[in-house]
């Protein structure tokens, strides 16, 4: 068979030329077609089927990861360009979209296009999960048949133990407790005493306010005792001083009332002291009347 060479479609973008109408993007694609086979080879290969020109892949997931890996390299095309940021971001986004669509159109996953393909690994994972689910269902069904029997044995043992416990009777002689009459009398006395005590406590609480008032008055009286003693002492001192003053006045009055009688008029050489009666004396106010005695009788 003749050797046929196939080359991958190569494309690139050239960004960075400005025009009066704004930012322009030029897309240049170069494709290399297969070289026509020689006439002899064409005659030999003409009856065979046409070979798929697209790149064949086995896993869609790995291809998507590879595209994600090449995205930063495409974004670096706009670095260092003297273009407005908005136009640059728009151009880079279009470049990424064109890159991804071009790659998706030029590859096949297990002989199917990108849009119609599905990852075989996911299918195998689903099959494994289904097998595990079937195994778990079988295991649960077997446990449903085994465990109820084991549970039945344990339940029967528990019921028998409960029956034994219910039939158990302790060997203890029961004794009736009788209340003595003296105890009843003591209870009655206790009730009466409690009533009286409660009455006394109520009365004491009622009289407590008056006792508190008396205690307050007594405390005030104790606090005023010192002042009372001082007042008494002051009163005694003042009374003594007044008595002394009165005595002095009396002595002066007595000395003023004394008169000395001269010796010529006196019968003897003795001095007779005559006390003058004061004008305010009761004898001067109320003098004695001389009575005349009649000798006729």
C-alpha atoms as a PDB file:
ATOM      1  CA  UNK A   1       0.000   0.000   0.000  1.00  0.00           C
ATOM      2  CA  UNK A   2       1.087   3.463  -0.752  1.00  0.00           C
ATOM      3  CA  UNK A   3       2.113   5.590   2.158  1.00  0.00           C
ATOM      4  CA  UNK A   4      -0.270   8.434   2.861  1.00  0.00           C
ATOM      5  CA  UNK A   5       0.697  11.379   5.000  1.00  0.00           C
ATOM      6  CA  UNK A   6      -1.814  13.426   6.946  1.00  0.00           C
ATOM      7  CA  UNK A   7      -1.086  16.753   8.502  1.00  0.00           C
ATOM      8  CA  UNK A   8      -3.120  18.495  11.227  1.00  0.00           C
ATOM      9  CA  UNK A   9      -4.867  21.681  10.273  1.00  0.00           C
ATOM     10  CA  UNK A  10      -2.832  24.563  11.637  1.00  0.00           C
ATOM     11  CA  UNK A  11      -4.400  27.947  12.456  1.00  0.00           C
ATOM     12  CA  UNK A  12      -3.297  31.043  14.230  1.00  0.00           C
ATOM     13  CA  UNK A  13      -4.457  34.608  14.907  1.00  0.00           C
ATOM     14  CA  UNK A  14      -2.607  37.788  14.335  1.00  0.00           C
ATOM     15  CA  UNK A  15      -3.809  40.596  16.619  1.00  0.00           C
ATOM     16  CA  UNK A  16      -2.537  44.123  16.926  1.00  0.00           C
ATOM     17  CA  UNK A  17      -3.266  46.146  13.848  1.00  0.00           C
ATOM     18  CA  UNK A  18      -5.422  49.214  14.343  1.00  0.00           C
ATOM     19  CA  UNK A  19      -7.560  50.827  11.667  1.00  0.00           C
ATOM     20  CA  UNK A  20      -9.776  53.943  11.497  1.00  0.00           C
ATOM     21  CA  UNK A  21     -12.864  51.761  11.899  1.00  0.00           C
ATOM     22  CA  UNK A  22     -11.509  50.342  15.149  1.00  0.00           C
ATOM     23  CA  UNK A  23      -9.769  47.186  16.223  1.00  0.00           C
ATOM     24  CA  UNK A  24      -9.529  44.590  13.426  1.00  0.00           C
ATOM     25  CA  UNK A  25      -8.682  40.965  13.701  1.00  0.00           C
ATOM     26  CA  UNK A  26      -7.181  39.017  10.885  1.00  0.00           C
ATOM     27  CA  UNK A  27      -7.488  35.312  10.814  1.00  0.00           C
ATOM     28  CA  UNK A  28      -5.136  33.349   8.702  1.00  0.00           C
ATOM     29  CA  UNK A  29      -5.549  29.667   8.237  1.00  0.00           C
ATOM     30  CA  UNK A  30      -3.248  27.442   6.405  1.00  0.00           C
ATOM     31  CA  UNK A  31      -4.190  23.970   5.399  1.00  0.00           C
ATOM     32  CA  UNK A  32      -2.134  21.385   3.814  1.00  0.00           C
ATOM     33  CA  UNK A  33      -3.987  18.832   1.834  1.00  0.00           C
ATOM     34  CA  UNK A  34      -2.847  15.417   1.144  1.00  0.00           C
ATOM     35  CA  UNK A  35      -0.554  14.954  -1.773  1.00  0.00           C
ATOM     36  CA  UNK A  36      -2.292  13.165  -4.627  1.00  0.00           C
ATOM     37  CA  UNK A  37      -1.145   9.576  -4.810  1.00  0.00           C
ATOM     38  CA  UNK A  38       0.447   8.242  -7.912  1.00  0.00           C
ATOM     39  CA  UNK A  39      -1.810   6.666 -10.526  1.00  0.00           C
ATOM     40  CA  UNK A  40      -0.803   3.123  -9.609  1.00  0.00           C
ATOM     41  CA  UNK A  41      -1.478   3.675  -5.927  1.00  0.00           C
ATOM     42  CA  UNK A  42      -4.786   5.356  -6.737  1.00  0.00           C
ATOM     43  CA  UNK A  43      -5.830   2.352  -8.722  1.00  0.00           C
ATOM     44  CA  UNK A  44      -4.962   0.065  -5.846  1.00  0.00           C
ATOM     45  CA  UNK A  45      -6.584   2.178  -3.105  1.00  0.00           C
ATOM     46  CA  UNK A  46      -9.682   3.288  -4.969  1.00  0.00           C
ATOM     47  CA  UNK A  47     -11.936   0.439  -3.842  1.00  0.00           C
ATOM     48  CA  UNK A  48     -11.104   0.973  -0.093  1.00  0.00           C
ATOM     49  CA  UNK A  49     -13.092   3.303   2.207  1.00  0.00           C
ATOM     50  CA  UNK A  50     -12.055   6.908   2.693  1.00  0.00           C
ATOM     51  CA  UNK A  51      -9.979   7.470   5.865  1.00  0.00           C
ATOM     52  CA  UNK A  52     -11.184   9.986   8.512  1.00  0.00           C
ATOM     53  CA  UNK A  53      -9.083  13.191   8.271  1.00  0.00           C
ATOM     54  CA  UNK A  54      -9.853  14.282  11.865  1.00  0.00           C
ATOM     55  CA  UNK A  55      -7.752  13.425  14.864  1.00  0.00           C
ATOM     56  CA  UNK A  56      -9.045  10.455  16.840  1.00  0.00           C
ATOM     57  CA  UNK A  57      -9.179  10.625  20.628  1.00  0.00           C
ATOM     58  CA  UNK A  58     -10.106   7.965  23.163  1.00  0.00           C
ATOM     59  CA  UNK A  59     -11.296  10.090  26.125  1.00  0.00           C
ATOM     60  CA  UNK A  60     -13.361  13.223  26.063  1.00  0.00           C
ATOM     61  CA  UNK A  61     -12.449  14.119  29.634  1.00  0.00           C
ATOM     62  CA  UNK A  62      -8.721  14.082  28.956  1.00  0.00           C
ATOM     63  CA  UNK A  63      -9.198  16.183  25.828  1.00  0.00           C
ATOM     64  CA  UNK A  64     -11.170  18.799  27.816  1.00  0.00           C
ATOM     65  CA  UNK A  65      -8.405  18.922  30.437  1.00  0.00           C
ATOM     66  CA  UNK A  66      -5.847  19.464  27.666  1.00  0.00           C
ATOM     67  CA  UNK A  67      -7.895  22.361  26.272  1.00  0.00           C
ATOM     68  CA  UNK A  68      -8.055  23.930  29.733  1.00  0.00           C
ATOM     69  CA  UNK A  69      -4.282  23.603  29.940  1.00  0.00           C
ATOM     70  CA  UNK A  70      -3.791  25.553  26.672  1.00  0.00           C
ATOM     71  CA  UNK A  71      -6.187  28.416  27.530  1.00  0.00           C
ATOM     72  CA  UNK A  72      -3.551  30.536  29.368  1.00  0.00           C
ATOM     73  CA  UNK A  73      -1.264  30.364  26.318  1.00  0.00           C
ATOM     74  CA  UNK A  74      -4.046  31.750  24.106  1.00  0.00           C
ATOM     75  CA  UNK A  75      -4.716  34.545  26.599  1.00  0.00           C
ATOM     76  CA  UNK A  76      -1.077  35.600  26.461  1.00  0.00           C
ATOM     77  CA  UNK A  77      -1.526  36.656  22.824  1.00  0.00           C
ATOM     78  CA  UNK A  78      -3.118  39.916  23.972  1.00  0.00           C
ATOM     79  CA  UNK A  79      -0.332  40.759  26.433  1.00  0.00           C
ATOM     80  CA  UNK A  80       1.692  43.816  25.478  1.00  0.00           C
ATOM     81  CA  UNK A  81      -0.761  45.034  22.806  1.00  0.00           C
ATOM     82  CA  UNK A  82      -1.462  48.783  22.642  1.00  0.00           C
ATOM     83  CA  UNK A  83      -5.219  48.385  22.530  1.00  0.00           C
ATOM     84  CA  UNK A  84      -8.026  49.412  24.831  1.00  0.00           C
ATOM     85  CA  UNK A  85      -8.813  46.929  27.561  1.00  0.00           C
ATOM     86  CA  UNK A  86     -12.423  46.369  26.521  1.00  0.00           C
ATOM     87  CA  UNK A  87     -11.530  45.638  22.891  1.00  0.00           C
ATOM     88  CA  UNK A  88      -8.608  43.479  23.982  1.00  0.00           C
ATOM     89  CA  UNK A  89     -10.765  41.354  26.298  1.00  0.00           C
ATOM     90  CA  UNK A  90     -13.356  40.940  23.564  1.00  0.00           C
ATOM     91  CA  UNK A  91     -10.701  39.861  21.056  1.00  0.00           C
ATOM     92  CA  UNK A  92      -9.139  37.387  23.503  1.00  0.00           C
ATOM     93  CA  UNK A  93     -12.567  35.894  24.260  1.00  0.00           C
ATOM     94  CA  UNK A  94     -13.271  35.438  20.563  1.00  0.00           C
ATOM     95  CA  UNK A  95      -9.850  33.854  20.082  1.00  0.00           C
ATOM     96  CA  UNK A  96     -10.525  31.341  22.877  1.00  0.00           C
ATOM     97  CA  UNK A  97     -13.914  30.491  21.450  1.00  0.00           C
ATOM     98  CA  UNK A  98     -12.509  30.019  17.938  1.00  0.00           C
ATOM     99  CA  UNK A  99      -9.679  27.880  19.321  1.00  0.00           C
ATOM    100  CA  UNK A 100     -12.021  25.561  21.211  1.00  0.00           C
ATOM    101  CA  UNK A 101     -14.535  25.222  18.366  1.00  0.00           C
ATOM    102  CA  UNK A 102     -11.770  24.544  15.838  1.00  0.00           C
ATOM    103  CA  UNK A 103     -10.271  21.828  18.028  1.00  0.00           C
ATOM    104  CA  UNK A 104     -13.681  20.258  18.708  1.00  0.00           C
ATOM    105  CA  UNK A 105     -14.535  20.222  14.991  1.00  0.00           C
ATOM    106  CA  UNK A 106     -11.227  18.600  14.027  1.00  0.00           C
ATOM    107  CA  UNK A 107     -11.268  15.719  16.538  1.00  0.00           C
ATOM    108  CA  UNK A 108     -13.401  12.634  17.104  1.00  0.00           C
ATOM    109  CA  UNK A 109     -13.936  10.719  20.340  1.00  0.00           C
ATOM    110  CA  UNK A 110     -14.149   6.975  19.676  1.00  0.00           C
ATOM    111  CA  UNK A 111     -15.183   7.607  16.062  1.00  0.00           C
ATOM    112  CA  UNK A 112     -17.956  10.096  17.001  1.00  0.00           C
ATOM    113  CA  UNK A 113     -18.013  13.895  16.749  1.00  0.00           C
ATOM    114  CA  UNK A 114     -17.396  15.979  19.862  1.00  0.00           C
ATOM    115  CA  UNK A 115     -21.055  16.938  20.350  1.00  0.00           C
ATOM    116  CA  UNK A 116     -22.327  13.349  19.996  1.00  0.00           C
ATOM    117  CA  UNK A 117     -19.558  11.594  21.923  1.00  0.00           C
ATOM    118  CA  UNK A 118     -19.563  10.384  25.502  1.00  0.00           C
ATOM    119  CA  UNK A 119     -16.722   9.272  27.692  1.00  0.00           C
ATOM    120  CA  UNK A 120     -16.380   5.500  27.863  1.00  0.00           C
ATOM    121  CA  UNK A 121     -14.862   5.767  31.302  1.00  0.00           C
ATOM    122  CA  UNK A 122     -18.096   7.151  32.663  1.00  0.00           C
ATOM    123  CA  UNK A 123     -19.955   4.246  31.090  1.00  0.00           C
ATOM    124  CA  UNK A 124     -17.585   1.807  32.730  1.00  0.00           C
ATOM    125  CA  UNK A 125     -18.014   3.588  36.075  1.00  0.00           C
ATOM    126  CA  UNK A 126     -21.788   3.319  35.733  1.00  0.00           C
ATOM    127  CA  UNK A 127     -21.490  -0.390  35.009  1.00  0.00           C
ATOM    128  CA  UNK A 128     -19.294  -0.871  38.068  1.00  0.00           C
ATOM    129  CA  UNK A 129     -21.782   1.000  40.236  1.00  0.00           C
ATOM    130  CA  UNK A 130     -24.631  -1.111  38.903  1.00  0.00           C
ATOM    131  CA  UNK A 131     -22.685  -4.283  39.695  1.00  0.00           C
ATOM    132  CA  UNK A 132     -21.971  -3.040  43.226  1.00  0.00           C
ATOM    133  CA  UNK A 133     -25.640  -2.181  43.669  1.00  0.00           C
ATOM    134  CA  UNK A 134     -26.661  -5.673  42.593  1.00  0.00           C
ATOM    135  CA  UNK A 135     -24.210  -7.184  45.073  1.00  0.00           C
ATOM    136  CA  UNK A 136     -25.574  -5.021  47.889  1.00  0.00           C
ATOM    137  CA  UNK A 137     -29.141  -6.023  47.032  1.00  0.00           C
ATOM    138  CA  UNK A 138     -28.184  -9.703  47.172  1.00  0.00           C
ATOM    139  CA  UNK A 139     -26.385  -9.184  50.509  1.00  0.00           C
ATOM    140  CA  UNK A 140     -29.349  -7.373  52.056  1.00  0.00           C
ATOM    141  CA  UNK A 141     -31.781 -10.047  50.907  1.00  0.00           C
ATOM    142  CA  UNK A 142     -29.584 -12.759  52.418  1.00  0.00           C
ATOM    143  CA  UNK A 143     -29.386 -10.842  55.719  1.00  0.00           C
ATOM    144  CA  UNK A 144     -33.156 -10.521  55.734  1.00  0.00           C
ATOM    145  CA  UNK A 145     -33.377 -14.287  55.693  1.00  0.00           C
ATOM    146  CA  UNK A 146     -30.664 -14.871  58.325  1.00  0.00           C
ATOM    147  CA  UNK A 147     -31.061 -12.134  60.936  1.00  0.00           C
ATOM    148  CA  UNK A 148     -34.756 -12.656  61.737  1.00  0.00           C
ATOM    149  CA  UNK A 149     -33.947 -16.208  62.821  1.00  0.00           C
ATOM    150  CA  UNK A 150     -31.166 -15.014  65.112  1.00  0.00           C
ATOM    151  CA  UNK A 151     -33.417 -12.296  66.480  1.00  0.00           C
ATOM    152  CA  UNK A 152     -36.158 -14.823  67.134  1.00  0.00           C
ATOM    153  CA  UNK A 153     -33.848 -16.912  69.327  1.00  0.00           C
ATOM    154  CA  UNK A 154     -32.851 -13.897  71.417  1.00  0.00           C
ATOM    155  CA  UNK A 155     -36.458 -12.702  71.745  1.00  0.00           C
ATOM    156  CA  UNK A 156     -37.568 -16.117  73.009  1.00  0.00           C
ATOM    157  CA  UNK A 157     -34.782 -16.095  75.611  1.00  0.00           C
ATOM    158  CA  UNK A 158     -35.777 -12.620  76.783  1.00  0.00           C
ATOM    159  CA  UNK A 159     -39.444 -13.593  77.161  1.00  0.00           C
ATOM    160  CA  UNK A 160     -38.508 -16.658  79.225  1.00  0.00           C
ATOM    161  CA  UNK A 161     -36.367 -14.536  81.549  1.00  0.00           C
ATOM    162  CA  UNK A 162     -39.231 -12.082  82.046  1.00  0.00           C
ATOM    163  CA  UNK A 163     -41.590 -14.920  82.929  1.00  0.00           C
ATOM    164  CA  UNK A 164     -39.112 -16.222  85.503  1.00  0.00           C
ATOM    165  CA  UNK A 165     -38.800 -12.789  87.058  1.00  0.00           C
ATOM    166  CA  UNK A 166     -42.581 -12.400  87.257  1.00  0.00           C
ATOM    167  CA  UNK A 167     -42.982 -15.797  88.932  1.00  0.00           C
ATOM    168  CA  UNK A 168     -40.297 -15.013  91.527  1.00  0.00           C
ATOM    169  CA  UNK A 169     -41.650 -14.681  95.083  1.00  0.00           C
ATOM    170  CA  UNK A 170     -39.397 -13.518  97.920  1.00  0.00           C
ATOM    171  CA  UNK A 171     -39.398 -15.618 101.097  1.00  0.00           C
ATOM    172  CA  UNK A 172     -40.218 -12.763 103.491  1.00  0.00           C
ATOM    173  CA  UNK A 173     -42.957 -12.790 106.123  1.00  0.00           C
ATOM    174  CA  UNK A 174     -45.064  -9.692 105.807  1.00  0.00           C
ATOM    175  CA  UNK A 175     -45.949  -7.889 108.998  1.00  0.00           C
ATOM    176  CA  UNK A 176     -48.796  -5.466 109.478  1.00  0.00           C
ATOM    177  CA  UNK A 177     -47.972  -2.193 111.169  1.00  0.00           C
ATOM    178  CA  UNK A 178     -50.556  -1.102 113.704  1.00  0.00           C
ATOM    179  CA  UNK A 179     -50.807   2.371 115.117  1.00  0.00           C
ATOM    180  CA  UNK A 180     -50.750   2.567 118.929  1.00  0.00           C
ATOM    181  CA  UNK A 181     -53.431   4.682 120.705  1.00  0.00           C
ATOM    182  CA  UNK A 182     -50.780   6.635 122.584  1.00  0.00           C
ATOM    183  CA  UNK A 183     -49.385   7.712 119.277  1.00  0.00           C
ATOM    184  CA  UNK A 184     -52.789   9.103 118.245  1.00  0.00           C
ATOM    185  CA  UNK A 185     -52.989  11.087 121.458  1.00  0.00           C
ATOM    186  CA  UNK A 186     -49.487  12.462 120.961  1.00  0.00           C
ATOM    187  CA  UNK A 187     -50.420  13.503 117.428  1.00  0.00           C
ATOM    188  CA  UNK A 188     -53.489  15.356 118.743  1.00  0.00           C
ATOM    189  CA  UNK A 189     -51.390  17.125 121.366  1.00  0.00           C
ATOM    190  CA  UNK A 190     -48.828  18.005 118.745  1.00  0.00           C
ATOM    191  CA  UNK A 191     -51.525  19.550 116.551  1.00  0.00           C
ATOM    192  CA  UNK A 192     -52.872  21.610 119.448  1.00  0.00           C
ATOM    193  CA  UNK A 193     -49.391  22.795 120.407  1.00  0.00           C
ATOM    194  CA  UNK A 194     -48.639  23.749 116.828  1.00  0.00           C
ATOM    195  CA  UNK A 195     -51.859  25.784 116.681  1.00  0.00           C
ATOM    196  CA  UNK A 196     -50.995  27.629 119.882  1.00  0.00           C
ATOM    197  CA  UNK A 197     -47.454  28.247 118.728  1.00  0.00           C
ATOM    198  CA  UNK A 198     -48.702  29.607 115.436  1.00  0.00           C
ATOM    199  CA  UNK A 199     -51.089  31.933 117.301  1.00  0.00           C
ATOM    200  CA  UNK A 200     -48.306  33.171 119.586  1.00  0.00           C
ATOM    201  CA  UNK A 201     -45.996  33.745 116.668  1.00  0.00           C
ATOM    202  CA  UNK A 202     -48.703  35.768 114.895  1.00  0.00           C
ATOM    203  CA  UNK A 203     -49.236  37.921 117.983  1.00  0.00           C
ATOM    204  CA  UNK A 204     -45.510  38.403 118.422  1.00  0.00           C
ATOM    205  CA  UNK A 205     -45.200  39.530 114.820  1.00  0.00           C
ATOM    206  CA  UNK A 206     -48.041  41.997 115.367  1.00  0.00           C
ATOM    207  CA  UNK A 207     -46.415  43.456 118.505  1.00  0.00           C
ATOM    208  CA  UNK A 208     -43.042  43.538 116.849  1.00  0.00           C
ATOM    209  CA  UNK A 209     -43.699  46.937 115.271  1.00  0.00           C
ATOM    210  CA  UNK A 210     -44.543  48.524 118.629  1.00  0.00           C
ATOM    211  CA  UNK A 211     -41.471  46.953 120.203  1.00  0.00           C
ATOM    212  CA  UNK A 212     -39.344  48.368 117.433  1.00  0.00           C
ATOM    213  CA  UNK A 213     -40.776  51.858 118.081  1.00  0.00           C
ATOM    214  CA  UNK A 214     -40.076  51.524 121.805  1.00  0.00           C
ATOM    215  CA  UNK A 215     -36.563  50.386 121.132  1.00  0.00           C
ATOM    216  CA  UNK A 216     -36.001  53.379 118.898  1.00  0.00           C
ATOM    217  CA  UNK A 217     -37.312  55.717 121.646  1.00  0.00           C
ATOM    218  CA  UNK A 218     -35.099  54.015 124.241  1.00  0.00           C
ATOM    219  CA  UNK A 219     -32.070  54.400 122.006  1.00  0.00           C
ATOM    220  CA  UNK A 220     -32.875  58.096 121.585  1.00  0.00           C
ATOM    221  CA  UNK A 221     -33.235  58.488 125.380  1.00  0.00           C
ATOM    222  CA  UNK A 222     -29.869  56.827 125.910  1.00  0.00           C
ATOM    223  CA  UNK A 223     -28.335  59.168 123.387  1.00  0.00           C
ATOM    224  CA  UNK A 224     -29.867  62.196 125.242  1.00  0.00           C
ATOM    225  CA  UNK A 225     -28.713  61.079 128.711  1.00  0.00           C
ATOM    226  CA  UNK A 226     -25.412  62.927 128.481  1.00  0.00           C
ATOM    227  CA  UNK A 227     -27.149  66.157 127.526  1.00  0.00           C
ATOM    228  CA  UNK A 228     -29.570  65.753 130.451  1.00  0.00           C
ATOM    229  CA  UNK A 229     -26.712  65.300 132.897  1.00  0.00           C
ATOM    230  CA  UNK A 230     -25.020  68.394 131.537  1.00  0.00           C
ATOM    231  CA  UNK A 231     -28.258  70.361 131.915  1.00  0.00           C
ATOM    232  CA  UNK A 232     -28.659  69.204 135.512  1.00  0.00           C
ATOM    233  CA  UNK A 233     -25.097  70.131 136.348  1.00  0.00           C
ATOM    234  CA  UNK A 234     -25.546  73.546 134.788  1.00  0.00           C
ATOM    235  CA  UNK A 235     -28.809  74.028 136.693  1.00  0.00           C
ATOM    236  CA  UNK A 236     -27.180  73.160 140.028  1.00  0.00           C
ATOM    237  CA  UNK A 237     -24.305  75.542 139.360  1.00  0.00           C
ATOM    238  CA  UNK A 238     -26.684  78.360 138.484  1.00  0.00           C
ATOM    239  CA  UNK A 239     -28.859  77.665 141.544  1.00  0.00           C
ATOM    240  CA  UNK A 240     -25.855  77.799 143.891  1.00  0.00           C
ATOM    241  CA  UNK A 241     -24.688  81.084 142.389  1.00  0.00           C
ATOM    242  CA  UNK A 242     -28.160  82.588 142.762  1.00  0.00           C
ATOM    243  CA  UNK A 243     -28.350  81.492 146.420  1.00  0.00           C
ATOM    244  CA  UNK A 244     -24.992  83.100 147.139  1.00  0.00           C
ATOM    245  CA  UNK A 245     -26.123  86.331 145.516  1.00  0.00           C
ATOM    246  CA  UNK A 246     -29.288  86.379 147.650  1.00  0.00           C
ATOM    247  CA  UNK A 247     -27.278  85.770 150.817  1.00  0.00           C
ATOM    248  CA  UNK A 248     -24.961  88.661 150.003  1.00  0.00           C
ATOM    249  CA  UNK A 249     -27.909  90.951 149.402  1.00  0.00           C
ATOM    250  CA  UNK A 250     -29.459  89.945 152.740  1.00  0.00           C
ATOM    251  CA  UNK A 251     -26.219  90.685 154.568  1.00  0.00           C
ATOM    252  CA  UNK A 252     -25.986  94.113 152.977  1.00  0.00           C
ATOM    253  CA  UNK A 253     -29.557  94.888 153.957  1.00  0.00           C
ATOM    254  CA  UNK A 254     -28.896  93.857 157.533  1.00  0.00           C
ATOM    255  CA  UNK A 255     -25.802  96.031 157.814  1.00  0.00           C
ATOM    256  CA  UNK A 256     -27.632  99.009 156.396  1.00  0.00           C
ATOM    257  CA  UNK A 257     -30.460  98.615 158.899  1.00  0.00           C
ATOM    258  CA  UNK A 258     -28.143  98.564 161.931  1.00  0.00           C
ATOM    259  CA  UNK A 259     -27.855 101.955 163.796  1.00  0.00           C
ATOM    260  CA  UNK A 260     -25.495 102.841 166.631  1.00  0.00           C
ATOM    261  CA  UNK A 261     -27.100 104.813 169.559  1.00  0.00           C
ATOM    262  CA  UNK A 262     -24.792 107.439 171.161  1.00  0.00           C
ATOM    263  CA  UNK A 263     -23.662 107.078 174.814  1.00  0.00           C
ATOM    264  CA  UNK A 264     -25.383 110.282 176.040  1.00  0.00           C
ATOM    265  CA  UNK A 265     -28.836 109.043 175.379  1.00  0.00           C
ATOM    266  CA  UNK A 266     -28.097 105.541 176.534  1.00  0.00           C
ATOM    267  CA  UNK A 267     -28.921 104.504 180.063  1.00  0.00           C
ATOM    268  CA  UNK A 268     -25.846 102.407 180.328  1.00  0.00           C
ATOM    269  CA  UNK A 269     -22.580 102.357 178.490  1.00  0.00           C
ATOM    270  CA  UNK A 270     -23.758  99.442 176.387  1.00  0.00           C
ATOM    271  CA  UNK A 271     -24.456  99.906 172.754  1.00  0.00           C
ATOM    272  CA  UNK A 272     -27.979  99.066 171.699  1.00  0.00           C
ATOM    273  CA  UNK A 273     -28.500  98.115 168.198  1.00  0.00           C
ATOM    274  CA  UNK A 274     -31.740  99.008 166.737  1.00  0.00           C
ATOM    275  CA  UNK A 275     -32.840  97.304 163.581  1.00  0.00           C
ATOM    276  CA  UNK A 276     -34.768  99.485 161.307  1.00  0.00           C
ATOM    277  CA  UNK A 277     -37.752  97.956 159.783  1.00  0.00           C
ATOM    278  CA  UNK A 278     -37.825  98.035 156.152  1.00  0.00           C
ATOM    279  CA  UNK A 279     -40.552  99.897 154.416  1.00  0.00           C
ATOM    280  CA  UNK A 280     -41.719  96.823 152.653  1.00  0.00           C
ATOM    281  CA  UNK A 281     -42.011  94.710 155.799  1.00  0.00           C
ATOM    282  CA  UNK A 282     -45.404  93.233 156.658  1.00  0.00           C
ATOM    283  CA  UNK A 283     -45.420  94.897 160.099  1.00  0.00           C
ATOM    284  CA  UNK A 284     -45.383  98.349 158.528  1.00  0.00           C
ATOM    285  CA  UNK A 285     -48.020  97.393 156.039  1.00  0.00           C
ATOM    286  CA  UNK A 286     -50.204  95.834 158.641  1.00  0.00           C
ATOM    287  CA  UNK A 287     -49.410  97.609 161.987  1.00  0.00           C
ATOM    288  CA  UNK A 288     -50.725  96.247 165.286  1.00  0.00           C
ATOM    289  CA  UNK A 289     -53.584  98.210 166.898  1.00  0.00           C
ATOM    290  CA  UNK A 290     -53.388  98.958 170.596  1.00  0.00           C
ATOM    291  CA  UNK A 291     -56.363  97.764 172.473  1.00  0.00           C
ATOM    292  CA  UNK A 292     -57.694  99.591 175.483  1.00  0.00           C
ATOM    293  CA  UNK A 293     -58.706  97.376 178.315  1.00  0.00           C
ATOM    294  CA  UNK A 294     -61.762  98.515 180.233  1.00  0.00           C
ATOM    295  CA  UNK A 295     -61.495  98.163 184.023  1.00  0.00           C
ATOM    296  CA  UNK A 296     -65.246  98.177 184.449  1.00  0.00           C
ATOM    297  CA  UNK A 297     -65.535  94.564 184.098  1.00  0.00           C
END
